[in-house]
Amino acid sequence: MANDENKAPFYKRWWFWLIVVIVLLIIIFSAGRNDEDNKDTTNTGTEETTNDTNNKTKDNNRKNEDNDTTKEESAAAKRDNSSAKETTLNAGKFTVGTDIPAGRYVITGEGTGNLFVYDEDGLPVVNEILDKSADMGVPNVTTDIKDGQEIEISGLNAVTFTPAKTKLSNKLTTGTWIVGLDIKAGRYNVTTPSGSGNFFIYNNLGVPTTNEILDATGEMGVKQITVTLEDGQQIGISGLNEVDFTKK
């Protein structure tokens, strides 16, 4: 009987199963450690990729901001407005070059009244109702006035001419604007948030290529105009407090 017990198969021995359990525990423990290491590696790689992407996005944003700033500085440099001096005029008639220096101005008035600017042939190049409250007219006009032109002010005690600064913008007000200096060239949808007025685009020869009545409600004119702006073109806006250009 003793010999039969000694000859029992090894897999029926207690020490065999102890070894099996130990080996299984080692395998399970090792597999768990590998999974954690893989997760750490994956997370680290994902974080590094995300950080790299975020850093590249920030760099691109900085470059775009720098480019916009450079373009604005370049636009300002192309328009010399050093001759313009802040001037206040009362009701009456005045000559540019005598009563006020030529230049580009933002024109505002106290109260409500009429502002006219006539060229050397006596034709009106500006014909606006100035109204500080913007209820009966526009609060300001931005335009260039040239030597020899005549200014006529009616119904206003004081009209202030402030030298205009040049900067690129997708929101323009009543006045005259140059593509490439005041707004970037491109294709836009043009709208106004309120009111009704005239919208013009002139080519380099001064010929109007767009002539529309822009109306926020669409009752007295069109609600939207799609245009392609090219460097050097002039935009004319009349009777509108704000015109928005949305890039297509």
Foldseek 3Di string as FASTA:
>chain_A
DVVVVVPPDPVPDPVVVVVVVVVVVVVVVVVVVVVVVVVVVVVVVVVVVVVVVVVVVVVVVVVVVVVQVVLQVVLQVVFDFVQFDKDKDFADKDFDPPRGDWGKWKKFFDAWWWKFKADQVRHTPDTWIDHCVLPVTEGIEIETDDGGIMMGIPPTGMMITHHDGWHADQKDAAYKDFDSTHHDFAKWKKAACADKWWKFKAPQVRHTPDIWIHHCVCPVTHGIDIDGGDGGIMMHIGRGHIMGTHHD
